[in-house]
Amino acid sequence: MKTRILPVLAAAITAAAAVAGCGGGTSVGSGAAGGDKTLTLASVDQGSIEDVVKAFEAANPGVKVNFTTSGADQYQQQIRTQLSSGTAPDVMTVWPGNGNPGATYVLAKPGYLLDLSDQPWAAKYPNAIKSVAQYEGKTYNAIFGQNGIGAVYNQEALQKAGLTAPGTWTELLAFCRAAAAKGTPAFALGIQDKWVTQIVLYALVATAVYGTDRDFDKKMQSGQASFAKSAWTTAMAKYQEMSGAGCFQQSPLSTSYEASQQLAATGKTLGLIQGNWVIALLKKQNPSGTFTLKALPATDAPSGFVMPAAAGAGYGVNAKTRNKDLALKFVNYVMSPEGMNLFVKKQGGLPSLSDTGFTVDPSLTELSKFVTSDRTVPFMDQLWPNAKVQQTMLSGLQEIFSGQSTSDKMLAAMDTDYKAGT
């Protein structure tokens, strides 16, 4: 999704959640490269991989991990070259699905990744993660965490306004009108940053499209469905209806992602529609505030609500590693309750498996329930055949908000890019 802050929503949503770092590589560890007691590792999980490596080494006396960390853009430029030249590390960051040079499909198709299907955790993946961790039915990615999108409410602002979070589509529109009448818009929308435009749409598409057709992506891939002739049109209409009902503050196109956080954190809006990663950012601006993530209503049937939940970047094993046993030991540690909980606690998300004993932050209670009850779908772009589809959507949404285009034109252009394939 975003191209700057989060890594996959096309290497975007997924990277924000996957990284805490910026550019520039860092090399950490000890011991010479090679040998069955030394593991080489390349990661984008700056700020969290360090603690995981320390814990892994402590659990395996005598083992050393030589690792490098770098930003997502730099990493993606390098990893394919390293794999094709035989200089890649034993274990490496791999993104879910498709759409960037370091994604599962892209690296598994030419045979760069080791098949991990026989590892004990592979069969435990929920469907939403399994679909982006596998290629042609085989598992290649050890994905330890996930993130979700929904409406994030400022509880104190809600109380001050005398309003409660809406539970249906009809209630949502009434909620927006009531909030606007009180002079405190329902949601801050910072679409000056292009990647933010997709967030509300994804939250609506999850229920509008996948609530009644979980096989929509398969139909798209086989040519039996399209954006322009599906419930994507319904979701787009609802997005525009929300705007017309006063759900957002004035001038969303002039509001940055950072500015939208400030509006929601300080109670100038009642919240915003974003991923769970934003909660930590809101708390930084308002440490005493209480923020809660809930599903964004898209229909009047709550039992059919679905939330977007994206697998974060995980780890794959180099198919040509000379250190297979130690590499598998590392990814299995990452997927163990200890390793997984350590990772997601540092990153502020949820574990990809439900049996880790992880204590979920109260703000994510509803997201956790949707995940465990298999009522989630991957961020939509993770299963698209190329990154151009998403870029067309992002530009199109900004043009729609500025009155320069229409949803019909945008969806038709997305169909053209999708049919172009990889």
Protein backbone atom coordinates (compact mmCIF):
# COMPACT_ATOMS: atom_id res chain seq x y z
CA MET A 1 0.00 0.00 0.00
CA LYS A 2 1.99 2.90 0.66
CA THR A 3 5.24 3.29 -1.01
CA ARG A 4 6.94 5.17 1.76
CA ILE A 5 5.55 4.24 5.12
CA LEU A 6 4.30 0.74 5.05
CA PRO A 7 5.84 -2.11 3.02
CA VAL A 8 3.16 -4.09 1.33
CA LEU A 9 0.16 -2.73 0.56
CA ALA A 10 2.42 -3.15 -2.45
CA ALA A 11 5.57 -3.02 -0.50
CA ALA A 12 3.90 -0.26 1.23
CA ILE A 13 1.46 -1.16 3.91
CA THR A 14 3.52 -4.08 4.61
CA ALA A 15 6.73 -2.23 5.09
CA ALA A 16 5.52 0.29 7.62
CA ALA A 17 4.45 -2.53 9.66
CA ALA A 18 7.51 -4.49 8.83
CA VAL A 19 10.11 -1.87 9.51
CA ALA A 20 11.06 0.66 12.03
CA GLY A 21 14.00 1.88 10.06
CA CYS A 22 15.03 3.99 7.15
CA GLY A 23 17.76 3.71 4.56
CA GLY A 24 21.34 2.76 5.11
CA GLY A 25 22.42 -0.72 6.02
CA THR A 26 23.67 -1.89 9.35
CA SER A 27 25.77 -5.00 9.85
CA VAL A 28 25.54 -6.76 13.16
CA GLY A 29 26.71 -10.06 14.59
CA SER A 30 29.91 -11.95 15.07
CA GLY A 31 31.73 -14.94 13.64
CA ALA A 32 32.92 -15.60 10.13
CA ALA A 33 30.44 -16.27 7.36
CA GLY A 34 29.77 -19.91 6.56
CA GLY A 35 29.85 -23.00 8.73
CA ASP A 36 27.00 -24.79 10.43
CA LYS A 37 27.28 -22.57 13.51
CA THR A 38 27.06 -19.24 11.67
CA LEU A 39 23.92 -17.98 9.93
CA THR A 40 23.75 -15.12 7.43
CA LEU A 41 20.60 -13.02 7.44
CA ALA A 42 19.28 -9.95 5.58
CA SER A 43 16.34 -8.09 7.11
CA VAL A 44 14.26 -4.93 6.84
CA ASP A 45 12.95 -5.31 10.39
CA GLN A 46 15.11 -2.58 11.85
CA GLY A 47 14.38 -2.06 15.52
CA SER A 48 12.98 -5.55 16.12
CA ILE A 49 15.26 -8.10 14.43
CA GLU A 50 18.08 -7.18 16.82
CA ASP A 51 16.21 -8.51 19.85
CA VAL A 52 15.07 -11.61 17.97
CA VAL A 53 18.65 -12.44 16.94
CA LYS A 54 19.88 -12.01 20.52
CA ALA A 55 17.15 -14.32 21.81
CA PHE A 56 17.86 -16.91 19.10
CA GLU A 57 21.59 -16.93 19.88
CA ALA A 58 20.84 -17.24 23.61
CA ALA A 59 18.60 -20.23 22.92
CA ASN A 60 21.29 -21.83 20.74
CA PRO A 61 24.69 -21.53 22.48
CA GLY A 62 27.59 -21.36 20.07
CA VAL A 63 25.46 -20.14 17.18
CA LYS A 64 26.20 -16.73 15.67
CA VAL A 65 24.00 -14.72 13.32
CA ASN A 66 25.69 -12.30 10.93
CA PHE A 67 22.96 -9.99 9.73
CA THR A 68 22.41 -6.79 7.82
CA THR A 69 19.46 -4.44 7.97
CA SER A 70 18.38 -1.90 5.38
CA GLY A 71 15.36 0.03 4.19
CA ALA A 72 12.79 -1.71 1.99
CA ASP A 73 13.67 0.18 -1.20
CA GLN A 74 17.39 -0.58 -0.92
CA TYR A 75 16.76 -4.18 0.05
CA GLN A 76 14.42 -4.87 -2.87
CA GLN A 77 16.95 -3.50 -5.31
CA GLN A 78 19.61 -5.87 -4.01
CA ILE A 79 17.99 -9.17 -3.13
CA ARG A 80 17.18 -10.43 -6.65
CA THR A 81 20.71 -9.65 -7.80
CA GLN A 82 22.17 -11.52 -4.84
CA LEU A 83 19.93 -14.53 -5.37
CA SER A 84 20.68 -14.78 -9.08
CA SER A 85 24.43 -14.41 -8.52
CA GLY A 86 24.62 -16.91 -5.67
CA THR A 87 25.63 -14.31 -3.06
CA ALA A 88 22.37 -14.14 -1.11
CA PRO A 89 22.25 -14.86 2.65
CA ASP A 90 20.88 -18.05 4.19
CA VAL A 91 17.70 -16.32 5.40
CA MET A 92 16.11 -13.15 4.06
CA THR A 93 13.08 -10.90 4.38
CA VAL A 94 10.31 -11.91 2.00
CA TRP A 95 7.07 -9.99 1.53
CA PRO A 96 3.67 -11.66 1.16
CA GLY A 97 1.95 -12.14 -2.16
CA ASN A 98 3.08 -10.32 -5.27
CA GLY A 99 3.90 -6.83 -6.49
CA ASN A 100 7.46 -6.05 -5.42
CA PRO A 101 10.90 -7.56 -6.17
CA GLY A 102 11.13 -9.22 -2.76
CA ALA A 103 7.65 -10.76 -2.64
CA THR A 104 6.81 -14.45 -2.22
CA TYR A 105 5.50 -15.10 -5.74
CA VAL A 106 8.33 -13.18 -7.37
CA LEU A 107 11.07 -15.09 -5.54
CA ALA A 108 9.43 -18.52 -5.42
CA LYS A 109 8.57 -18.72 -9.11
CA PRO A 110 12.22 -18.86 -10.33
CA GLY A 111 13.13 -21.29 -7.54
CA TYR A 112 15.04 -18.92 -5.27
CA LEU A 113 13.23 -19.98 -2.08
CA LEU A 114 13.23 -23.25 -0.14
CA ASP A 115 9.86 -24.99 0.20
CA LEU A 116 8.81 -24.68 3.87
CA SER A 117 5.55 -26.62 3.57
CA ASP A 118 6.75 -29.42 5.85
CA GLN A 119 7.55 -27.11 8.76
CA PRO A 120 5.20 -27.54 11.75
CA TRP A 121 3.69 -24.03 11.59
CA ALA A 122 2.89 -24.01 7.86
CA ALA A 123 -0.40 -25.89 8.18
CA LYS A 124 -1.61 -23.56 10.95
CA TYR A 125 -1.84 -20.41 8.84
CA PRO A 126 -5.30 -18.81 8.62
CA ASN A 127 -6.56 -18.62 5.03
CA ALA A 128 -5.87 -14.90 4.65
CA ILE A 129 -2.18 -15.45 5.37
CA LYS A 130 -1.85 -18.82 3.65
CA SER A 131 -2.91 -17.27 0.34
CA VAL A 132 0.01 -14.82 0.35
CA ALA A 133 2.63 -17.07 1.98
CA GLN A 134 2.28 -19.78 -0.67
CA TYR A 135 3.09 -20.10 -4.35
CA GLU A 136 1.34 -22.85 -6.33
CA GLY A 137 0.17 -24.50 -3.12
CA LYS A 138 3.58 -24.61 -1.40
CA THR A 139 4.62 -22.44 1.55
CA TYR A 140 7.73 -20.31 1.11
CA ASN A 141 7.33 -17.53 3.68
CA ALA A 142 7.53 -17.62 7.48
CA ILE A 143 5.13 -14.76 8.23
CA PHE A 144 5.05 -13.97 11.93
CA GLY A 145 2.73 -10.94 12.15
CA GLN A 146 -0.24 -9.21 10.64
CA ASN A 147 -1.96 -5.84 10.63
CA GLY A 148 -5.51 -4.71 10.03
CA ILE A 149 -7.46 -1.73 8.71
CA GLY A 150 -10.54 -0.22 10.30
CA ALA A 151 -12.02 2.83 11.97
CA VAL A 152 -9.83 4.05 14.84
CA TYR A 153 -11.86 6.03 17.37
CA ASN A 154 -10.70 8.54 19.97
CA GLN A 155 -12.82 7.37 22.89
CA GLU A 156 -12.56 10.63 24.84
CA ALA A 157 -13.63 12.61 21.76
CA LEU A 158 -16.60 10.29 21.28
CA GLN A 159 -17.69 10.81 24.89
CA LYS A 160 -17.33 14.57 24.60
CA ALA A 161 -19.47 14.58 21.46
CA GLY A 162 -22.05 12.30 23.09
CA LEU A 163 -21.78 9.79 20.25
CA THR A 164 -21.00 6.10 20.00
CA ALA A 165 -19.15 4.19 17.30
CA PRO A 166 -21.58 3.11 14.54
CA GLY A 167 -22.32 -0.56 14.00
CA THR A 168 -24.05 -0.49 10.60
CA TRP A 169 -23.79 1.46 7.34
CA THR A 170 -26.98 3.43 8.10
CA GLU A 171 -25.64 4.27 11.54
CA LEU A 172 -22.31 5.30 10.02
CA LEU A 173 -23.90 7.94 7.79
CA ALA A 174 -26.01 9.23 10.69
CA PHE A 175 -22.90 9.28 12.87
CA CYS A 176 -21.04 11.37 10.28
CA ARG A 177 -23.87 13.86 9.94
CA ALA A 178 -24.23 14.20 13.71
CA ALA A 179 -20.49 14.68 14.18
CA ALA A 180 -20.35 17.29 11.42
CA ALA A 181 -23.25 19.15 13.00
CA LYS A 182 -21.30 19.34 16.26
CA GLY A 183 -18.32 20.82 14.44
CA THR A 184 -16.14 17.75 15.01
CA PRO A 185 -15.90 15.66 11.82
CA ALA A 186 -16.06 11.90 12.23
CA PHE A 187 -12.79 10.96 10.53
CA ALA A 188 -9.57 12.69 9.60
CA LEU A 189 -8.51 11.89 6.04
CA GLY A 190 -4.97 12.76 4.97
CA ILE A 191 -4.95 12.02 1.25
CA GLN A 192 -2.32 14.58 0.41
CA ASP A 193 -0.20 11.46 0.87
CA LYS A 194 -1.29 9.34 -2.08
CA TRP A 195 -1.03 5.96 -0.34
CA VAL A 196 -3.65 7.00 2.24
CA THR A 197 -6.35 7.21 -0.43
CA GLN A 198 -6.72 3.44 -0.54
CA ILE A 199 -7.25 2.87 3.18
CA VAL A 200 -10.95 3.79 3.38
CA LEU A 201 -11.62 2.00 0.10
CA TYR A 202 -9.97 -1.21 1.29
CA ALA A 203 -12.02 -1.12 4.50
CA LEU A 204 -15.21 -0.87 2.42
CA VAL A 205 -14.16 -3.39 -0.25
CA ALA A 206 -13.45 -6.04 2.39
CA THR A 207 -17.15 -6.32 3.23
CA ALA A 208 -18.76 -5.07 0.01
CA VAL A 209 -16.78 -7.45 -2.22
CA TYR A 210 -15.44 -10.30 -0.12
CA GLY A 211 -18.31 -10.46 2.37
CA THR A 212 -20.34 -12.30 -0.26
CA ASP A 213 -17.58 -13.67 -2.50
CA ARG A 214 -14.40 -14.96 -0.88
CA ASP A 215 -13.29 -16.33 -4.26
CA PHE A 216 -13.26 -12.92 -5.94
CA ASP A 217 -9.47 -12.91 -6.39
CA LYS A 218 -9.54 -16.32 -8.05
CA LYS A 219 -12.24 -15.07 -10.41
CA MET A 220 -10.13 -12.01 -11.23
CA GLN A 221 -7.14 -14.21 -11.96
CA SER A 222 -9.15 -16.45 -14.29
CA GLY A 223 -10.77 -13.52 -16.10
CA GLN A 224 -14.24 -14.25 -14.72
CA ALA A 225 -14.49 -10.96 -12.80
CA SER A 226 -13.33 -7.37 -13.10
CA PHE A 227 -13.12 -4.25 -10.97
CA ALA A 228 -15.52 -2.30 -13.17
CA LYS A 229 -18.25 -4.99 -13.16
CA SER A 230 -18.18 -6.04 -9.52
CA ALA A 231 -19.00 -4.77 -6.05
CA TRP A 232 -15.89 -2.58 -6.27
CA THR A 233 -18.33 -0.10 -7.84
CA THR A 234 -20.47 -0.37 -4.70
CA ALA A 235 -17.49 0.28 -2.44
CA MET A 236 -16.46 3.29 -4.53
CA ALA A 237 -19.99 4.69 -4.34
CA LYS A 238 -19.98 4.29 -0.57
CA TYR A 239 -16.60 6.04 -0.29
CA GLN A 240 -18.04 9.01 -2.16
CA GLU A 241 -21.27 8.85 -0.15
CA MET A 242 -19.23 9.08 3.04
CA SER A 243 -17.56 12.20 1.70
CA GLY A 244 -20.94 13.70 0.82
CA ALA A 245 -22.28 12.92 4.30
CA GLY A 246 -19.51 14.97 5.90
CA CYS A 247 -17.57 11.99 7.25
CA PHE A 248 -14.25 13.75 6.65
CA GLN A 249 -12.78 17.11 7.54
CA GLN A 250 -12.58 19.90 4.98
CA SER A 251 -9.87 19.67 2.33
CA PRO A 252 -8.63 16.06 2.68
CA LEU A 253 -6.39 16.65 -0.33
CA SER A 254 -4.57 19.38 1.60
CA THR A 255 -4.17 17.19 4.69
CA SER A 256 -1.09 15.02 5.14
CA TYR A 257 -0.98 11.67 6.89
CA GLU A 258 0.85 13.29 9.80
CA ALA A 259 -1.71 16.10 10.03
CA SER A 260 -4.56 13.58 10.06
CA GLN A 261 -2.95 11.90 13.05
CA GLN A 262 -2.87 15.18 14.92
CA LEU A 263 -6.55 15.85 14.20
CA ALA A 264 -7.58 12.44 15.54
CA ALA A 265 -5.18 12.40 18.48
CA THR A 266 -6.27 15.81 19.76
CA GLY A 267 -10.02 15.26 19.32
CA LYS A 268 -10.49 17.68 16.44
CA THR A 269 -12.02 14.68 14.70
CA LEU A 270 -13.56 11.65 16.38
CA GLY A 271 -11.00 9.37 14.81
CA LEU A 272 -9.62 8.27 11.46
CA ILE A 273 -9.72 5.22 9.21
CA GLN A 274 -6.29 3.60 9.18
CA GLY A 275 -4.24 0.54 10.02
CA ASN A 276 -3.55 -0.56 13.58
CA TRP A 277 -0.02 0.82 13.29
CA VAL A 278 -1.43 4.34 13.64
CA ILE A 279 -2.53 3.74 17.24
CA ALA A 280 1.02 3.92 18.58
CA LEU A 281 1.49 7.18 16.66
CA LEU A 282 -1.71 8.62 18.14
CA LYS A 283 -0.61 7.66 21.63
CA LYS A 284 2.68 9.50 21.11
CA GLN A 285 0.73 12.69 20.48
CA ASN A 286 -1.83 12.02 23.20
CA PRO A 287 -0.35 9.64 25.82
CA SER A 288 -3.46 9.79 28.00
CA GLY A 289 -5.84 9.07 25.11
CA THR A 290 -7.73 5.84 24.51
CA PHE A 291 -7.99 4.63 20.93
CA THR A 292 -9.94 1.65 19.61
CA LEU A 293 -9.91 -0.06 16.20
CA LYS A 294 -13.24 -1.35 14.89
CA ALA A 295 -14.53 -2.67 11.59
CA LEU A 296 -15.80 0.06 9.27
CA PRO A 297 -19.46 -0.71 8.50
CA ALA A 298 -20.17 -1.17 4.80
CA THR A 299 -23.63 -2.77 5.05
CA ASP A 300 -26.44 -3.04 7.60
CA ALA A 301 -25.59 -6.68 8.37
CA PRO A 302 -22.74 -6.72 10.94
CA SER A 303 -22.54 -10.51 10.90
CA GLY A 304 -21.23 -10.25 7.35
CA PHE A 305 -18.53 -7.67 8.03
CA VAL A 306 -15.02 -8.53 6.88
CA MET A 307 -11.84 -6.65 7.78
CA PRO A 308 -8.69 -6.23 5.68
CA ALA A 309 -5.81 -7.92 7.51
CA ALA A 310 -2.41 -7.99 5.89
CA ALA A 311 0.35 -10.38 6.52
CA GLY A 312 3.51 -8.49 7.27
CA ALA A 313 6.90 -9.25 5.78
CA GLY A 314 8.27 -12.62 6.90
CA TYR A 315 11.37 -14.71 6.26
CA GLY A 316 12.33 -17.12 3.51
CA VAL A 317 15.22 -19.52 3.21
CA ASN A 318 17.64 -19.36 0.29
CA ALA A 319 17.07 -22.51 -1.79
CA LYS A 320 20.83 -22.74 -2.35
CA THR A 321 21.87 -22.26 1.25
CA ARG A 322 24.71 -24.49 2.45
CA ASN A 323 23.40 -24.06 5.98
CA LYS A 324 19.90 -25.47 5.62
CA ASP A 325 19.51 -26.94 9.12
CA LEU A 326 20.48 -23.74 10.90
CA ALA A 327 18.39 -21.63 8.51
CA LEU A 328 15.33 -23.78 9.25
CA LYS A 329 16.07 -23.57 12.96
CA PHE A 330 16.01 -19.78 12.71
CA VAL A 331 12.71 -19.50 10.80
CA ASN A 332 11.15 -22.03 13.15
CA TYR A 333 12.27 -19.89 16.08
CA VAL A 334 10.69 -16.86 14.40
CA MET A 335 7.46 -18.85 14.11
CA SER A 336 7.60 -20.17 17.68
CA PRO A 337 5.45 -18.47 20.34
CA GLU A 338 8.56 -16.92 21.89
CA GLY A 339 9.97 -15.54 18.65
CA MET A 340 6.64 -14.46 17.20
CA ASN A 341 5.51 -12.68 20.36
CA LEU A 342 8.83 -10.89 20.63
CA PHE A 343 8.52 -9.64 17.07
CA VAL A 344 4.91 -8.46 17.19
CA LYS A 345 5.30 -6.81 20.58
CA LYS A 346 8.12 -4.70 19.17
CA GLN A 347 6.16 -3.91 16.00
CA GLY A 348 2.72 -3.29 17.53
CA GLY A 349 0.73 -5.87 15.56
CA LEU A 350 -0.81 -9.29 15.99
CA PRO A 351 0.81 -12.72 15.67
CA SER A 352 -0.01 -14.64 12.50
CA LEU A 353 -0.94 -17.75 14.52
CA SER A 354 -3.57 -17.81 17.22
CA ASP A 355 -1.94 -20.21 19.71
CA THR A 356 1.03 -18.14 20.88
CA GLY A 357 -0.44 -16.91 24.17
CA PHE A 358 0.10 -13.31 23.05
CA THR A 359 -1.65 -10.68 25.15
CA VAL A 360 -3.50 -8.49 22.68
CA ASP A 361 -3.55 -4.75 23.29
CA PRO A 362 -7.16 -3.78 24.24
CA SER A 363 -7.28 -1.38 21.28
CA LEU A 364 -6.99 -4.36 18.92
CA THR A 365 -9.56 -6.64 20.54
CA GLU A 366 -12.03 -6.46 17.65
CA LEU A 367 -9.36 -6.99 15.02
CA SER A 368 -8.11 -10.02 16.94
CA LYS A 369 -11.63 -11.49 17.00
CA PHE A 370 -12.00 -11.03 13.25
CA VAL A 371 -8.64 -12.69 12.67
CA THR A 372 -9.34 -15.71 14.86
CA SER A 373 -12.81 -16.20 13.33
CA ASP A 374 -11.37 -16.08 9.77
CA ARG A 375 -13.32 -12.94 8.85
CA THR A 376 -10.44 -11.15 7.17
CA VAL A 377 -9.03 -10.81 3.67
CA PRO A 378 -5.53 -9.76 2.59
CA PHE A 379 -4.90 -6.16 1.65
CA MET A 380 -6.26 -6.19 -1.88
CA ASP A 381 -3.05 -5.31 -3.74
CA GLN A 382 -1.16 -8.28 -2.28
CA LEU A 383 -2.82 -10.57 -4.82
CA TRP A 384 -2.64 -8.27 -7.85
CA PRO A 385 -0.29 -9.28 -10.69
CA ASN A 386 1.72 -6.05 -10.73
CA ALA A 387 2.25 -2.81 -8.83
CA LYS A 388 0.81 -0.66 -11.64
CA VAL A 389 -2.76 -1.56 -10.66
CA GLN A 390 -2.31 0.02 -7.27
CA GLN A 391 -0.59 3.12 -8.59
CA THR A 392 -3.47 3.68 -11.02
CA MET A 393 -5.93 3.34 -8.16
CA LEU A 394 -4.05 5.77 -5.90
CA SER A 395 -3.76 8.43 -8.58
CA GLY A 396 -7.36 7.86 -9.62
CA LEU A 397 -8.69 8.35 -6.10
CA GLN A 398 -6.91 11.67 -5.75
CA GLU A 399 -8.32 12.73 -9.11
CA ILE A 400 -11.82 11.73 -8.03
CA PHE A 401 -11.56 13.80 -4.85
CA SER A 402 -10.37 16.77 -6.91
CA GLY A 403 -13.20 16.35 -9.43
CA GLN A 404 -10.88 15.43 -12.30
CA SER A 405 -12.04 11.84 -12.79
CA THR A 406 -14.77 9.33 -11.96
CA SER A 407 -14.85 5.94 -10.31
CA ASP A 408 -15.89 4.31 -13.60
CA LYS A 409 -12.77 5.64 -15.33
CA MET A 410 -10.52 4.58 -12.46
CA LEU A 411 -11.87 1.04 -12.23
CA ALA A 412 -11.67 0.58 -16.00
CA ALA A 413 -8.03 1.71 -15.95
CA MET A 414 -7.31 -0.71 -13.09
CA ASP A 415 -8.80 -3.52 -15.17
CA THR A 416 -6.50 -2.64 -18.06
CA ASP A 417 -3.42 -2.73 -15.82
CA TYR A 418 -4.55 -5.96 -14.16
CA LYS A 419 -5.01 -7.73 -17.51
CA ALA A 420 -1.47 -6.71 -18.48
CA GLY A 421 -0.28 -9.28 -15.94
CA THR A 422 3.14 -9.38 -14.37
